[in-house]
Amino acid sequence: MKPRVAFFDFASCEGCQLSVANLEESLVDVLKLIDIVAFREVMKEHSDQYDIAIVEGSITRPMDEERLKKIRANANILIALGACAHLGGVQRMANQWTPEENKKEVYGIANPADIADSNRFFEKPRQKALDEVVKVDYTIPGCPINKEEFAKVLIALLTGRKPPIPDYPVCVECKKKENVCMFTIGKFCMGPLARAGCGAPCPTAGNECEACRGYVDHPHEKAQTDVLEKYGLTVDDIMRRKTMFTYRYVEKPKDGA
């Protein structure tokens, strides 16, 4: 019997699931190894009987936490899919302010009674990654994920091998492509800390890396700090300067959370 796989989504754009759907012909090869029993983006059928749960999106409300815990209880393996599930996503930057401040700024709610009423729909929203709520077995990073990497990770899991997620910085991939270093042209890049595996598409196109795949496990290693020191920066500098996808690493709790 093939393993049963179910896809779930929380706060996200669902772009990572679309990347999976865009495997197209390659998806046929993946389907030889699994049975997909729930995948809202591509099928109407749904089953709560599954072996592997693949979850996209950040966790925002207490009701989301409860739903995620039920998914975790049903699954033998839970995979965090993409930057929102892995890091809390771009939306995690909202954690710099209290839920009330965010609702007032976004929706213009000024009356305390209206704010209280809105909690029926936005019950103390605070963005969390999946592993801050439940145990995550594997993570496929990125925004969006790399569809070929998804297929390789899933096949590795199904064949008893370690998922091939790199633990070296994006700078390695830039050097392989002979890219011009962003620092040398006056730009600020997260490449020395960012986890590789994406193929460095942003620097290759002349854009700074925002570390959507998170940081490598040991960002203070000498090979990386040397790059920063050359341009008058420290690891602390780089961790403070860019937080689009990596606010989790510097976040401090706010009152009202």
Protein backbone atom coordinates (compact mmCIF):
# COMPACT_ATOMS: atom_id res chain seq x y z
CA MET A 1 0.00 0.00 0.00
CA LYS A 2 1.38 3.40 -1.01
CA PRO A 3 1.75 6.10 1.67
CA ARG A 4 -1.22 8.47 1.82
CA VAL A 5 -0.31 12.17 1.57
CA ALA A 6 -2.48 15.15 2.50
CA PHE A 7 -1.76 18.85 1.87
CA PHE A 8 -2.98 21.55 4.26
CA ASP A 9 -2.70 25.33 4.28
CA PHE A 10 -2.78 28.08 6.88
CA ALA A 11 -1.82 31.78 6.51
CA SER A 12 -0.08 31.95 3.14
CA CYS A 13 -0.55 32.71 -0.55
CA GLU A 14 -0.57 28.95 -1.31
CA GLY A 15 2.19 29.53 -3.86
CA CYS A 16 4.19 26.58 -2.54
CA GLN A 17 1.31 24.19 -3.20
CA LEU A 18 0.98 25.66 -6.69
CA SER A 19 4.68 24.93 -7.19
CA VAL A 20 3.95 21.29 -6.40
CA ALA A 21 1.05 21.30 -8.87
CA ASN A 22 3.42 22.80 -11.44
CA LEU A 23 5.60 19.70 -11.34
CA GLU A 24 3.43 18.66 -14.30
CA GLU A 25 4.97 15.57 -15.93
CA SER A 26 7.29 14.99 -12.99
CA LEU A 27 4.26 14.75 -10.72
CA VAL A 28 3.35 11.54 -12.49
CA ASP A 29 6.58 9.97 -11.23
CA VAL A 30 5.85 11.14 -7.69
CA LEU A 31 2.34 9.73 -7.86
CA LYS A 32 3.78 6.30 -8.56
CA LEU A 33 5.07 6.33 -4.99
CA ILE A 34 2.17 7.97 -3.08
CA ASP A 35 -1.60 8.38 -2.94
CA ILE A 36 -2.68 12.01 -2.54
CA VAL A 37 -5.85 11.98 -0.42
CA ALA A 38 -6.26 15.73 0.18
CA PHE A 39 -4.94 18.64 -1.90
CA ARG A 40 -7.39 21.53 -2.18
CA GLU A 41 -5.49 23.21 -5.00
CA VAL A 42 -5.90 20.32 -7.41
CA MET A 43 -8.70 18.00 -6.24
CA LYS A 44 -12.14 18.05 -4.61
CA GLU A 45 -11.79 14.83 -2.64
CA HIS A 46 -10.63 14.96 0.98
CA SER A 47 -9.73 12.29 3.51
CA ASP A 48 -8.54 12.52 7.11
CA GLN A 49 -6.79 9.17 6.73
CA TYR A 50 -3.20 10.01 5.81
CA ASP A 51 0.35 9.02 6.67
CA ILE A 52 2.19 12.19 5.62
CA ALA A 53 0.90 15.73 6.19
CA ILE A 54 2.46 18.48 4.09
CA VAL A 55 1.57 21.85 5.60
CA GLU A 56 1.96 25.31 4.08
CA GLY A 57 1.42 28.60 5.92
CA SER A 58 2.08 30.25 9.26
CA ILE A 59 -0.01 29.76 12.38
CA THR A 60 -1.94 32.88 13.29
CA ARG A 61 -4.71 32.19 15.83
CA PRO A 62 -5.44 29.80 18.70
CA MET A 63 -7.97 28.04 16.47
CA ASP A 64 -5.19 27.46 13.92
CA GLU A 65 -3.00 25.92 16.62
CA GLU A 66 -5.75 23.48 17.53
CA ARG A 67 -6.28 22.50 13.89
CA LEU A 68 -2.53 21.97 13.39
CA LYS A 69 -2.34 19.78 16.50
CA LYS A 70 -5.10 17.57 15.08
CA ILE A 71 -3.23 17.30 11.78
CA ARG A 72 -0.07 16.37 13.66
CA ALA A 73 -1.91 13.73 15.69
CA ASN A 74 -3.18 12.07 12.49
CA ALA A 75 0.16 12.08 10.65
CA ASN A 76 3.16 9.80 11.01
CA ILE A 77 5.29 12.45 9.28
CA LEU A 78 4.68 16.20 9.11
CA ILE A 79 6.53 18.33 6.56
CA ALA A 80 6.69 22.14 6.77
CA LEU A 81 6.31 23.46 3.22
CA GLY A 82 7.88 26.84 2.42
CA ALA A 83 8.96 29.96 4.27
CA CYS A 84 5.62 30.64 5.98
CA ALA A 85 5.52 27.20 7.59
CA HIS A 86 9.28 27.18 8.20
CA LEU A 87 9.87 30.72 9.48
CA GLY A 88 6.47 32.39 9.92
CA GLY A 89 6.62 34.11 6.54
CA VAL A 90 6.71 37.74 5.49
CA GLN A 91 3.58 38.24 7.61
CA ARG A 92 5.65 37.55 10.74
CA MET A 93 6.97 41.11 10.52
CA ALA A 94 3.57 42.13 11.95
CA ASN A 95 4.73 40.65 15.26
CA GLN A 96 6.69 43.85 15.80
CA TRP A 97 3.42 45.37 16.97
CA THR A 98 0.55 44.22 19.15
CA PRO A 99 -2.54 42.62 17.57
CA GLU A 100 -4.57 45.71 18.44
CA GLU A 101 -2.05 48.03 16.77
CA ASN A 102 -2.06 45.91 13.62
CA LYS A 103 -5.85 45.78 13.40
CA LYS A 104 -6.13 49.53 13.90
CA GLU A 105 -3.51 50.23 11.21
CA VAL A 106 -4.93 47.79 8.66
CA TYR A 107 -8.67 48.08 9.27
CA GLY A 108 -8.91 51.50 10.89
CA ILE A 109 -10.52 50.13 14.04
CA ALA A 110 -10.29 52.84 16.68
CA ASN A 111 -13.22 52.02 18.97
CA PRO A 112 -12.22 49.53 21.71
CA ALA A 113 -15.64 47.88 21.42
CA ASP A 114 -15.10 47.35 17.69
CA ILE A 115 -11.67 45.86 18.37
CA ALA A 116 -13.19 43.45 20.86
CA ASP A 117 -15.89 42.51 18.33
CA SER A 118 -13.29 41.90 15.62
CA ASN A 119 -11.66 39.24 17.80
CA ARG A 120 -14.38 36.88 16.65
CA PHE A 121 -12.52 36.80 13.33
CA PHE A 122 -8.98 37.80 14.33
CA GLU A 123 -8.44 36.23 17.71
CA LYS A 124 -5.13 37.69 18.92
CA PRO A 125 -3.30 37.13 15.64
CA ARG A 126 0.40 36.36 16.11
CA GLN A 127 2.42 34.64 13.40
CA LYS A 128 4.28 31.43 14.29
CA ALA A 129 6.15 28.78 12.38
CA LEU A 130 4.81 25.24 12.56
CA ASP A 131 7.58 23.97 14.82
CA GLU A 132 6.64 26.53 17.45
CA VAL A 133 3.35 24.65 17.87
CA VAL A 134 4.02 21.00 16.97
CA LYS A 135 6.90 18.69 16.13
CA VAL A 136 8.00 19.07 12.49
CA ASP A 137 9.82 16.12 10.99
CA TYR A 138 11.16 17.75 7.82
CA THR A 139 11.24 21.19 6.26
CA ILE A 140 11.28 22.18 2.61
CA PRO A 141 12.35 25.86 2.68
CA GLY A 142 11.88 28.73 0.25
CA CYS A 143 9.40 31.31 -1.01
CA PRO A 144 8.10 29.67 -3.02
CA ILE A 145 9.65 26.24 -2.69
CA ASN A 146 11.71 24.82 -5.52
CA LYS A 147 9.45 22.22 -7.13
CA GLU A 148 12.34 19.97 -8.18
CA GLU A 149 13.67 20.04 -4.61
CA PHE A 150 10.22 19.08 -3.34
CA ALA A 151 10.19 16.00 -5.55
CA LYS A 152 13.72 15.02 -4.48
CA VAL A 153 12.90 15.44 -0.77
CA LEU A 154 9.69 13.42 -1.00
CA ILE A 155 11.37 10.62 -2.95
CA ALA A 156 14.23 10.57 -0.44
CA LEU A 157 11.81 10.19 2.46
CA LEU A 158 9.87 7.45 0.72
CA THR A 159 13.04 5.51 -0.04
CA GLY A 160 14.53 5.86 3.45
CA ARG A 161 17.22 8.40 2.60
CA LYS A 162 18.07 11.73 4.22
CA PRO A 163 16.36 14.67 2.46
CA PRO A 164 18.94 16.58 0.37
CA ILE A 165 18.57 20.04 1.96
CA PRO A 166 21.94 21.88 1.78
CA ASP A 167 23.60 23.38 4.84
CA TYR A 168 25.94 25.79 3.12
CA PRO A 169 25.36 29.44 2.15
CA VAL A 170 24.00 30.86 -1.08
CA CYS A 171 27.45 32.40 -1.68
CA VAL A 172 28.62 28.91 -2.73
CA GLU A 173 26.01 28.79 -5.48
CA CYS A 174 26.87 32.32 -6.58
CA LYS A 175 30.52 31.40 -6.95
CA LYS A 176 29.61 28.34 -9.01
CA LYS A 177 27.63 30.60 -11.34
CA GLU A 178 30.41 33.20 -11.37
CA ASN A 179 27.99 35.89 -10.23
CA VAL A 180 29.19 39.35 -9.30
CA CYS A 181 29.00 39.62 -5.50
CA MET A 182 26.25 42.02 -4.47
CA PHE A 183 28.53 43.58 -1.84
CA THR A 184 31.06 44.62 -4.50
CA ILE A 185 28.43 46.75 -6.27
CA GLY A 186 27.18 48.45 -3.11
CA LYS A 187 24.21 46.19 -2.38
CA PHE A 188 23.44 44.35 0.85
CA CYS A 189 22.94 40.60 0.51
CA MET A 190 21.99 37.82 2.94
CA GLY A 191 23.96 35.27 0.91
CA PRO A 192 26.68 34.64 3.56
CA LEU A 193 24.02 33.45 6.04
CA ALA A 194 21.24 32.18 3.76
CA ARG A 195 20.70 28.47 3.20
CA ALA A 196 21.51 27.39 -0.34
CA GLY A 197 19.55 25.00 -2.52
CA CYS A 198 17.64 27.55 -4.56
CA GLY A 199 20.36 27.97 -7.19
CA ALA A 200 20.86 31.64 -6.26
CA PRO A 201 18.22 33.02 -8.68
CA CYS A 202 18.01 36.44 -7.01
CA PRO A 203 21.73 37.37 -7.17
CA THR A 204 21.91 35.81 -10.64
CA ALA A 205 19.24 38.32 -11.71
CA GLY A 206 21.10 41.18 -10.00
CA ASN A 207 18.95 41.23 -6.87
CA GLU A 208 19.97 40.85 -3.24
CA CYS A 209 19.27 37.56 -1.46
CA GLU A 210 16.60 37.94 1.26
CA ALA A 211 17.24 34.50 2.83
CA CYS A 212 13.76 33.13 2.15
CA ARG A 213 15.18 29.66 2.92
CA GLY A 214 16.33 30.76 6.37
CA TYR A 215 19.86 30.64 7.74
CA VAL A 216 22.41 27.86 7.60
CA ASP A 217 22.80 25.96 10.87
CA HIS A 218 26.11 27.59 11.80
CA PRO A 219 26.10 31.18 10.51
CA HIS A 220 29.18 32.22 12.50
CA GLU A 221 31.60 30.00 10.66
CA LYS A 222 34.79 31.76 9.54
CA ALA A 223 34.20 31.42 5.80
CA GLN A 224 31.10 33.57 6.16
CA THR A 225 32.36 36.12 8.68
CA ASP A 226 35.37 36.81 6.44
CA VAL A 227 33.03 37.99 3.67
CA LEU A 228 31.24 40.33 6.07
CA GLU A 229 34.42 41.70 7.62
CA LYS A 230 35.77 42.53 4.17
CA TYR A 231 32.88 44.96 3.73
CA GLY A 232 32.89 46.31 7.26
CA LEU A 233 29.97 44.23 8.58
CA THR A 234 29.43 41.75 11.39
CA VAL A 235 27.09 38.80 11.66
CA ASP A 236 24.93 40.89 14.02
CA ASP A 237 24.77 43.65 11.40
CA ILE A 238 23.49 41.34 8.73
CA MET A 239 20.96 39.69 11.08
CA ARG A 240 19.50 43.11 11.91
CA ARG A 241 19.54 44.61 8.43
CA LYS A 242 17.29 42.18 6.55
CA THR A 243 14.18 40.72 8.13
CA MET A 244 11.69 40.22 5.31
CA PHE A 245 11.76 36.44 5.73
CA THR A 246 13.93 36.14 8.82
CA TYR A 247 12.23 38.21 11.49
CA ARG A 248 11.95 35.01 13.51
CA TYR A 249 15.68 35.15 14.24
CA VAL A 250 15.54 38.60 15.85
CA GLU A 251 11.96 38.73 17.14
CA LYS A 252 11.25 39.88 20.67
CA PRO A 253 7.83 39.33 22.31
CA LYS A 254 5.47 42.33 22.28
CA ASP A 255 2.97 43.23 24.97
CA GLY A 256 -0.53 42.12 24.04
CA ALA A 257 0.73 39.05 22.15
